[in-house]
């Protein structure tokens, strides 16, 4: 039994020497059997070197990955920001294509900012051009110390016509809204700019955006220059007789704008003070060609070296303008019989504001400021109202025909 006790004590001491946390634990080698066998394997120097190399490669790859990720985090936002800046710059340079706000943009709002009603002119665009303005009085009576200035009556009537047209749902575009002088070519350029904006927004044009934006830039330059002088290409692509290839493309596209009209509002003058009433002027190819031929031969203004002489142009739908002229005269005089004229009712002629774009257009010479009876009509608010209603009726009748 003593031997058994001694054997158990030796086994306990051996077990404690292996598992004890004491600093006095045995330093004797662990057994070489069972789970402790792996502690007896000595590391291979060659294997350790390869392991170290792999760890170094892994660290280099990790550092390279982190470096690339840092570049991506920095570069991508900068690239996006730069792209947005370029887009903003392009928008500011090409407002017709990208901007939602533009002076000549298509709108469903009237002059007071209210939604246009669903009337017979809904979807129609009508340009109203109040003739003269600023330093250009137009007709005046008496001429020495005038009490009647055509430019003022033109603007007053234009505002009244605008109100009537908007009641019927039309979108109205004004070339002049105050007593400012606007050149004839700037007025025509406004029509082109509006049409270009309309095409780009609606996509209803076969002309390329590049062409449209280039032409828009040239027309904007004409508006900003605002002069009827030939020098320094101030008339842009509209200078000279006939039409350039660029202008022909633009005109032919505008001929298709069946929902657009251009009305130039004027009052007349003649040394024969018996003449009275409304006359309506319009252009056809032959009236333009005949007029230009005479002017080039007789007027030094048209012999300027910057004035470009081109072949006569044939391609305008003069019949459409003639129909519009007669329709407007009939409607105006029906609304206000006092405006029935003792002169030709409609007249072919050559006016830049009618000639230099492709929209169906007429010039309304509503009264003769030189006639005493017509001057009385201009002073009568009821006549101005009926005159304006007649012009609006003429637009409805034209689009209905």
Protein backbone atom coordinates (compact mmCIF):
# COMPACT_ATOMS: atom_id res chain seq x y z
CA UNK A 1 0.00 0.00 0.00
CA UNK A 2 2.94 2.31 0.76
CA UNK A 3 4.20 1.64 -2.74
CA UNK A 4 0.81 2.61 -4.20
CA UNK A 5 0.79 5.93 -2.30
CA UNK A 6 4.30 6.74 -3.50
CA UNK A 7 3.35 5.99 -7.14
CA UNK A 8 0.24 8.26 -7.05
CA UNK A 9 2.29 11.15 -5.54
CA UNK A 10 4.85 10.91 -8.34
CA UNK A 11 2.09 10.99 -11.00
CA UNK A 12 0.48 14.09 -9.38
CA UNK A 13 3.80 15.94 -9.27
CA UNK A 14 4.43 15.13 -12.91
CA UNK A 15 0.95 16.46 -13.92
CA UNK A 16 1.40 19.72 -11.92
CA UNK A 17 4.80 20.33 -13.48
CA UNK A 18 3.18 20.43 -16.92
CA UNK A 19 -0.02 22.56 -16.29
CA UNK A 20 0.96 24.81 -13.39
CA UNK A 21 1.13 28.61 -13.92
CA UNK A 22 3.74 28.87 -11.20
CA UNK A 23 7.11 30.37 -12.03
CA UNK A 24 8.55 27.39 -10.33
CA UNK A 25 7.05 24.91 -12.79
CA UNK A 26 9.21 22.13 -13.97
CA UNK A 27 11.46 22.73 -16.97
CA UNK A 28 11.48 19.09 -17.87
CA UNK A 29 10.56 18.38 -21.51
CA UNK A 30 6.93 17.49 -22.17
CA UNK A 31 6.11 14.04 -23.35
CA UNK A 32 6.64 13.27 -27.04
CA UNK A 33 3.39 11.44 -27.50
CA UNK A 34 -0.19 12.57 -28.18
CA UNK A 35 -1.03 16.24 -28.71
CA UNK A 36 2.27 17.52 -27.46
CA UNK A 37 4.25 15.99 -30.28
CA UNK A 38 3.99 19.11 -32.49
CA UNK A 39 5.98 21.19 -30.02
CA UNK A 40 8.97 19.08 -30.67
CA UNK A 41 9.15 20.06 -34.45
CA UNK A 42 11.89 22.64 -35.07
CA UNK A 43 11.18 25.38 -37.74
CA UNK A 44 12.86 25.00 -41.15
CA UNK A 45 14.97 28.14 -41.86
CA UNK A 46 14.11 27.97 -45.60
CA UNK A 47 10.37 27.73 -44.88
CA UNK A 48 10.53 30.70 -42.48
CA UNK A 49 12.21 32.88 -45.11
CA UNK A 50 9.53 32.07 -47.70
CA UNK A 51 6.82 32.84 -45.16
CA UNK A 52 8.44 36.19 -44.41
CA UNK A 53 8.61 37.03 -48.12
CA UNK A 54 4.94 36.18 -48.57
CA UNK A 55 4.00 38.41 -45.65
CA UNK A 56 6.04 41.29 -47.11
CA UNK A 57 4.39 40.85 -50.53
CA UNK A 58 0.96 40.82 -48.90
CA UNK A 59 1.79 44.03 -47.05
CA UNK A 60 2.98 45.70 -50.28
CA UNK A 61 -0.22 44.66 -52.09
CA UNK A 62 -2.33 45.97 -49.23
CA UNK A 63 -0.47 49.32 -49.27
CA UNK A 64 -0.86 49.55 -53.07
CA UNK A 65 -4.58 48.80 -52.81
CA UNK A 66 -5.04 51.48 -50.14
CA UNK A 67 -3.10 53.98 -52.28
CA UNK A 68 -5.30 53.27 -55.32
CA UNK A 69 -8.46 53.58 -53.23
CA UNK A 70 -7.26 56.92 -51.88
CA UNK A 71 -6.67 58.17 -55.43
CA UNK A 72 -10.16 57.04 -56.48
CA UNK A 73 -11.73 58.74 -53.47
CA UNK A 74 -9.97 62.00 -54.37
CA UNK A 75 -10.14 61.94 -58.19
CA UNK A 76 -13.73 60.79 -58.76
CA UNK A 77 -15.43 63.62 -56.81
CA UNK A 78 -13.08 66.16 -58.43
CA UNK A 79 -13.93 64.79 -61.89
CA UNK A 80 -17.66 64.93 -61.18
CA UNK A 81 -17.34 68.49 -59.90
CA UNK A 82 -15.36 69.53 -63.01
CA UNK A 83 -17.94 67.92 -65.29
CA UNK A 84 -20.74 69.77 -63.53
CA UNK A 85 -18.84 73.05 -63.89
CA UNK A 86 -18.37 72.43 -67.62
CA UNK A 87 -22.08 71.66 -67.97
CA UNK A 88 -22.97 74.88 -66.16
CA UNK A 89 -20.65 76.83 -68.47
CA UNK A 90 -22.22 75.23 -71.53
CA UNK A 91 -25.65 76.08 -70.22
CA UNK A 92 -24.70 79.72 -69.79
CA UNK A 93 -23.24 79.82 -73.31
CA UNK A 94 -26.18 78.03 -74.92
CA UNK A 95 -29.26 79.06 -72.96
CA UNK A 96 -31.60 78.17 -75.76
CA UNK A 97 -30.64 74.53 -75.55
CA UNK A 98 -30.38 73.99 -71.83
CA UNK A 99 -31.79 76.82 -69.75
CA UNK A 100 -35.40 76.76 -68.60
CA UNK A 101 -35.53 80.55 -68.52
CA UNK A 102 -35.04 82.61 -71.65
CA UNK A 103 -36.43 85.89 -72.89
CA UNK A 104 -37.78 84.32 -76.06
CA UNK A 105 -38.86 80.98 -74.61
CA UNK A 106 -42.20 79.37 -75.35
CA UNK A 107 -44.63 80.00 -72.50
CA UNK A 108 -48.17 79.09 -71.48
CA UNK A 109 -48.36 82.22 -69.33
CA UNK A 110 -49.84 85.57 -70.25
CA UNK A 111 -48.19 88.94 -69.59
CA UNK A 112 -49.50 88.90 -66.00
CA UNK A 113 -48.00 85.46 -65.32
CA UNK A 114 -51.35 83.66 -65.38
CA UNK A 115 -52.10 80.46 -67.28
CA UNK A 116 -53.48 81.22 -70.73
CA UNK A 117 -57.11 80.15 -71.20
CA UNK A 118 -58.19 77.39 -73.56
CA UNK A 119 -59.45 79.68 -76.28
CA UNK A 120 -59.45 79.43 -80.09
CA UNK A 121 -55.84 80.70 -80.19
CA UNK A 122 -54.45 78.25 -77.64
CA UNK A 123 -51.12 76.95 -78.90
CA UNK A 124 -50.71 79.83 -81.36
CA UNK A 125 -47.73 82.19 -81.16
CA UNK A 126 -48.26 85.76 -82.34
CA UNK A 127 -45.47 88.34 -82.58
CA UNK A 128 -46.61 91.92 -82.05
CA UNK A 129 -44.21 94.55 -83.31
CA UNK A 130 -44.96 98.09 -82.12
CA UNK A 131 -43.41 100.20 -84.87
CA UNK A 132 -40.83 102.95 -84.30
CA UNK A 133 -39.92 104.07 -80.75
CA UNK A 134 -37.24 106.00 -78.93
CA UNK A 135 -35.63 108.60 -81.18
CA UNK A 136 -37.85 107.46 -84.07
CA UNK A 137 -41.26 109.09 -83.66
CA UNK A 138 -42.73 107.70 -86.86
CA UNK A 139 -45.54 109.92 -88.17
CA UNK A 140 -46.20 113.09 -86.22
CA UNK A 141 -48.82 115.82 -86.23
CA UNK A 142 -48.30 118.68 -86.34
CA UNK A 143 -44.77 118.15 -87.51
CA UNK A 144 -43.43 121.36 -85.98
CA UNK A 145 -44.63 120.76 -82.41
CA UNK A 146 -46.35 117.36 -82.54
CA UNK A 147 -49.29 116.41 -80.37
CA UNK A 148 -49.68 113.04 -82.11
CA UNK A 149 -46.70 110.70 -82.18
CA UNK A 150 -47.19 107.48 -84.08
CA UNK A 151 -44.76 105.56 -81.85
CA UNK A 152 -46.97 106.19 -78.80
CA UNK A 153 -50.18 105.08 -80.50
CA UNK A 154 -48.42 102.01 -81.86
CA UNK A 155 -47.39 100.97 -78.37
CA UNK A 156 -50.82 101.69 -76.89
CA UNK A 157 -52.61 99.66 -79.57
CA UNK A 158 -50.10 96.82 -79.28
CA UNK A 159 -50.79 96.50 -75.54
CA UNK A 160 -54.55 96.42 -76.20
CA UNK A 161 -54.13 93.78 -78.93
CA UNK A 162 -51.96 91.69 -76.62
CA UNK A 163 -54.69 91.65 -74.00
CA UNK A 164 -57.30 90.55 -76.56
CA UNK A 165 -55.09 87.80 -77.97
CA UNK A 166 -54.24 86.43 -74.53
CA UNK A 167 -57.93 86.26 -73.67
CA UNK A 168 -58.22 83.87 -76.61
CA UNK A 169 -55.31 81.73 -75.42
CA UNK A 170 -52.53 83.00 -77.70
CA UNK A 171 -48.90 83.24 -76.64
CA UNK A 172 -47.86 86.81 -77.46
CA UNK A 173 -44.26 87.88 -78.07
CA UNK A 174 -43.48 91.61 -78.12
CA UNK A 175 -40.53 93.18 -79.91
CA UNK A 176 -40.95 96.48 -78.05
CA UNK A 177 -42.48 97.07 -74.62
CA UNK A 178 -41.47 100.68 -73.93
CA UNK A 179 -40.31 103.84 -75.67
CA UNK A 180 -37.07 102.30 -76.93
CA UNK A 181 -35.49 102.39 -80.36
CA UNK A 182 -35.04 98.89 -81.77
CA UNK A 183 -33.51 98.37 -85.19
CA UNK A 184 -35.49 96.67 -87.94
CA UNK A 185 -32.96 93.84 -88.08
CA UNK A 186 -32.97 93.37 -84.31
CA UNK A 187 -36.75 92.91 -84.50
CA UNK A 188 -36.40 90.25 -87.19
CA UNK A 189 -33.58 88.62 -85.22
CA UNK A 190 -35.92 88.30 -82.21
CA UNK A 191 -38.26 86.22 -84.35
CA UNK A 192 -35.41 83.94 -85.40
CA UNK A 193 -34.19 83.51 -81.81
CA UNK A 194 -37.67 82.60 -80.62
CA UNK A 195 -38.11 80.05 -83.41
CA UNK A 196 -34.70 78.50 -82.72
CA UNK A 197 -35.51 78.16 -79.02
CA UNK A 198 -38.86 76.63 -79.92
CA UNK A 199 -37.26 74.03 -82.21
CA UNK A 200 -34.58 73.03 -79.74
CA UNK A 201 -37.07 72.63 -76.90
CA UNK A 202 -39.65 70.75 -78.94
CA UNK A 203 -37.24 68.85 -81.20
CA UNK A 204 -39.49 69.72 -84.16
CA UNK A 205 -36.77 70.69 -86.62
CA UNK A 206 -34.63 68.84 -89.14
CA UNK A 207 -31.87 71.42 -88.67
CA UNK A 208 -28.94 70.35 -86.52
CA UNK A 209 -28.47 71.77 -83.04
CA UNK A 210 -25.01 72.93 -84.10
CA UNK A 211 -26.49 74.99 -86.94
CA UNK A 212 -29.30 76.36 -84.79
CA UNK A 213 -27.01 77.42 -81.97
CA UNK A 214 -24.61 79.08 -84.39
CA UNK A 215 -27.45 81.00 -86.03
CA UNK A 216 -28.84 81.91 -82.63
CA UNK A 217 -25.50 83.37 -81.60
CA UNK A 218 -25.39 85.48 -84.78
CA UNK A 219 -28.96 86.71 -84.24
CA UNK A 220 -28.24 87.58 -80.61
CA UNK A 221 -25.26 89.61 -81.79
CA UNK A 222 -27.57 91.51 -84.16
CA UNK A 223 -29.97 92.24 -81.30
CA UNK A 224 -27.16 93.46 -79.06
CA UNK A 225 -25.63 95.63 -81.80
CA UNK A 226 -29.06 97.15 -82.51
CA UNK A 227 -28.30 99.21 -85.60
CA UNK A 228 -29.59 99.44 -89.15
CA UNK A 229 -26.17 100.42 -90.47
CA UNK A 230 -24.39 98.08 -92.86
CA UNK A 231 -20.90 98.49 -91.39
CA UNK A 232 -19.18 95.86 -89.25
CA UNK A 233 -21.62 93.09 -90.15
CA UNK A 234 -24.14 94.66 -87.77
CA UNK A 235 -27.04 93.07 -89.67
CA UNK A 236 -25.48 89.64 -89.25
CA UNK A 237 -26.59 87.03 -91.79
CA UNK A 238 -29.44 89.31 -92.95
CA UNK A 239 -27.21 91.85 -94.71
CA UNK A 240 -27.40 92.19 -98.50
CA UNK A 241 -29.87 91.41 -101.24
CA UNK A 242 -31.42 87.99 -101.63
CA UNK A 243 -30.53 85.50 -98.90
CA UNK A 244 -27.45 83.53 -97.87
CA UNK A 245 -27.55 79.72 -97.77
CA UNK A 246 -27.80 79.84 -93.97
CA UNK A 247 -30.71 82.26 -94.12
CA UNK A 248 -32.51 80.16 -96.73
CA UNK A 249 -32.31 77.13 -94.42
CA UNK A 250 -33.72 79.19 -91.57
CA UNK A 251 -36.49 80.73 -93.68
CA UNK A 252 -37.58 77.39 -95.11
CA UNK A 253 -37.84 75.95 -91.60
CA UNK A 254 -39.90 78.95 -90.50
CA UNK A 255 -42.26 78.53 -93.46
CA UNK A 256 -43.43 75.35 -91.72
CA UNK A 257 -44.45 77.20 -88.54
CA UNK A 258 -48.17 77.13 -89.28
CA UNK A 259 -49.12 78.21 -85.74
CA UNK A 260 -47.06 81.43 -85.84
CA UNK A 261 -47.97 84.95 -87.03
CA UNK A 262 -46.13 88.28 -87.13
CA UNK A 263 -48.10 91.55 -86.96
CA UNK A 264 -46.33 94.91 -87.17
CA UNK A 265 -48.51 97.69 -85.70
CA UNK A 266 -48.24 101.11 -87.38
CA UNK A 267 -50.18 104.22 -88.35
CA UNK A 268 -49.87 105.87 -91.73
CA UNK A 269 -49.12 109.29 -93.20
CA UNK A 270 -49.70 110.95 -96.56
CA UNK A 271 -49.41 114.47 -97.85
CA UNK A 272 -52.94 114.03 -99.17
CA UNK A 273 -54.89 114.58 -95.98
CA UNK A 274 -58.07 113.16 -97.51
CA UNK A 275 -56.71 109.61 -97.34
CA UNK A 276 -57.99 107.69 -94.33
CA UNK A 277 -58.60 104.24 -92.91
CA UNK A 278 -56.68 101.00 -92.61
CA UNK A 279 -54.18 99.62 -95.11
CA UNK A 280 -52.41 96.27 -94.76
CA UNK A 281 -48.97 95.70 -96.28
CA UNK A 282 -47.32 92.37 -97.04
CA UNK A 283 -44.35 91.01 -99.00
CA UNK A 284 -43.97 88.56 -101.87
CA UNK A 285 -40.80 87.55 -103.69
CA UNK A 286 -41.35 89.83 -106.66
CA UNK A 287 -42.16 92.93 -104.60
CA UNK A 288 -38.91 92.40 -102.68
CA UNK A 289 -36.84 91.83 -105.82
CA UNK A 290 -38.27 94.86 -107.63
CA UNK A 291 -37.68 97.08 -104.61
CA UNK A 292 -34.12 95.87 -104.05
CA UNK A 293 -33.27 96.38 -107.72
CA UNK A 294 -34.42 100.00 -107.56
CA UNK A 295 -32.65 100.68 -104.28
CA UNK A 296 -29.35 99.17 -105.40
CA UNK A 297 -29.44 101.33 -108.53
CA UNK A 298 -30.54 104.59 -106.95
CA UNK A 299 -29.59 104.65 -103.26
CA UNK A 300 -25.94 105.02 -102.22
CA UNK A 301 -26.77 103.26 -98.93
CA UNK A 302 -27.11 99.98 -100.84
CA UNK A 303 -23.84 100.51 -102.71
CA UNK A 304 -21.80 100.13 -99.53
CA UNK A 305 -18.89 97.64 -99.97
CA UNK A 306 -20.24 95.52 -97.08
CA UNK A 307 -23.63 95.17 -98.76
CA UNK A 308 -23.64 91.71 -100.35
CA UNK A 309 -25.28 91.34 -103.75
CA UNK A 310 -26.87 87.93 -104.27
CA UNK A 311 -29.11 86.32 -106.84
CA UNK A 312 -32.84 87.03 -106.46
CA UNK A 313 -34.59 84.66 -104.09
CA UNK A 314 -37.76 82.84 -105.01
CA UNK A 315 -39.29 80.55 -102.42
CA UNK A 316 -41.54 82.58 -100.16
CA UNK A 317 -45.24 81.71 -99.95
CA UNK A 318 -46.53 85.13 -100.94
CA UNK A 319 -50.09 83.86 -101.26
CA UNK A 320 -50.15 83.03 -97.56
CA UNK A 321 -49.17 86.61 -96.73
CA UNK A 322 -51.79 87.97 -99.13
CA UNK A 323 -54.52 85.88 -97.51
CA UNK A 324 -53.43 87.05 -94.06
CA UNK A 325 -53.49 90.69 -95.21
CA UNK A 326 -57.01 90.50 -96.59
CA UNK A 327 -58.25 88.54 -93.58
CA UNK A 328 -56.88 91.15 -91.19
CA UNK A 329 -58.35 94.07 -93.15
CA UNK A 330 -61.78 92.47 -93.28
CA UNK A 331 -61.83 91.69 -89.55
CA UNK A 332 -60.59 95.14 -88.49
CA UNK A 333 -63.07 97.07 -90.62
CA UNK A 334 -65.91 94.79 -89.58
CA UNK A 335 -65.13 95.50 -85.93
CA UNK A 336 -64.69 99.23 -86.59
CA UNK A 337 -66.37 100.39 -89.84
CA UNK A 338 -64.89 103.89 -89.44
CA UNK A 339 -61.56 102.33 -90.51
CA UNK A 340 -62.81 101.37 -93.99
CA UNK A 341 -60.28 103.03 -96.30
CA UNK A 342 -60.52 105.09 -99.47
CA UNK A 343 -57.12 103.69 -100.53
CA UNK A 344 -56.11 100.16 -101.67
CA UNK A 345 -56.96 97.77 -98.85
CA UNK A 346 -53.88 95.53 -99.15
CA UNK A 347 -50.53 96.45 -100.73
CA UNK A 348 -47.45 94.46 -101.78
CA UNK A 349 -44.21 96.12 -100.68
CA UNK A 350 -40.78 95.49 -99.19
CA UNK A 351 -40.29 95.97 -95.43
CA UNK A 352 -37.37 94.47 -93.50
CA UNK A 353 -39.51 93.40 -90.53
CA UNK A 354 -41.66 91.34 -92.91
CA UNK A 355 -38.93 90.26 -95.33
CA UNK A 356 -36.17 89.01 -93.03
CA UNK A 357 -37.99 86.01 -91.51
CA UNK A 358 -40.26 83.24 -92.73
CA UNK A 359 -43.30 83.70 -90.47
CA UNK A 360 -46.58 84.73 -92.18
CA UNK A 361 -46.59 88.47 -91.61
CA UNK A 362 -48.29 91.79 -92.34
CA UNK A 363 -47.87 95.43 -91.44
CA UNK A 364 -51.09 97.01 -90.19
CA UNK A 365 -51.27 100.73 -91.03
CA UNK A 366 -54.38 101.28 -88.96
CA UNK A 367 -55.08 104.98 -89.53
CA UNK A 368 -53.66 108.02 -91.30
CA UNK A 369 -52.25 110.39 -88.71
CA UNK A 370 -52.35 113.00 -91.48
CA UNK A 371 -56.17 112.78 -91.60
CA UNK A 372 -58.22 114.78 -89.03
CA UNK A 373 -60.94 112.15 -88.76
CA UNK A 374 -58.45 109.36 -88.15
CA UNK A 375 -56.72 111.41 -85.46
CA UNK A 376 -60.06 111.66 -83.69
CA UNK A 377 -60.38 107.87 -83.88
CA UNK A 378 -56.96 107.46 -82.24
CA UNK A 379 -58.15 109.62 -79.34
CA UNK A 380 -61.23 107.46 -78.76
CA UNK A 381 -60.66 104.56 -76.31
CA UNK A 382 -63.73 102.76 -77.69
CA UNK A 383 -62.21 102.78 -81.18
CA UNK A 384 -58.88 101.47 -79.84
CA UNK A 385 -60.80 98.66 -78.13
CA UNK A 386 -62.81 97.71 -81.22
CA UNK A 387 -59.70 97.98 -83.39
CA UNK A 388 -57.86 95.57 -81.07
CA UNK A 389 -60.79 93.15 -81.04
CA UNK A 390 -60.81 93.24 -84.83
CA UNK A 391 -57.12 92.34 -84.99
CA UNK A 392 -57.70 89.42 -82.61
CA UNK A 393 -60.69 88.29 -84.69
CA UNK A 394 -58.50 88.44 -87.79
CA UNK A 395 -56.01 86.05 -86.18
CA UNK A 396 -58.79 83.62 -85.29
CA UNK A 397 -60.22 83.81 -88.82
CA UNK A 398 -56.82 83.26 -90.42
CA UNK A 399 -56.04 80.16 -88.37
CA UNK A 400 -59.55 78.84 -89.00
CA UNK A 401 -59.35 79.24 -92.77
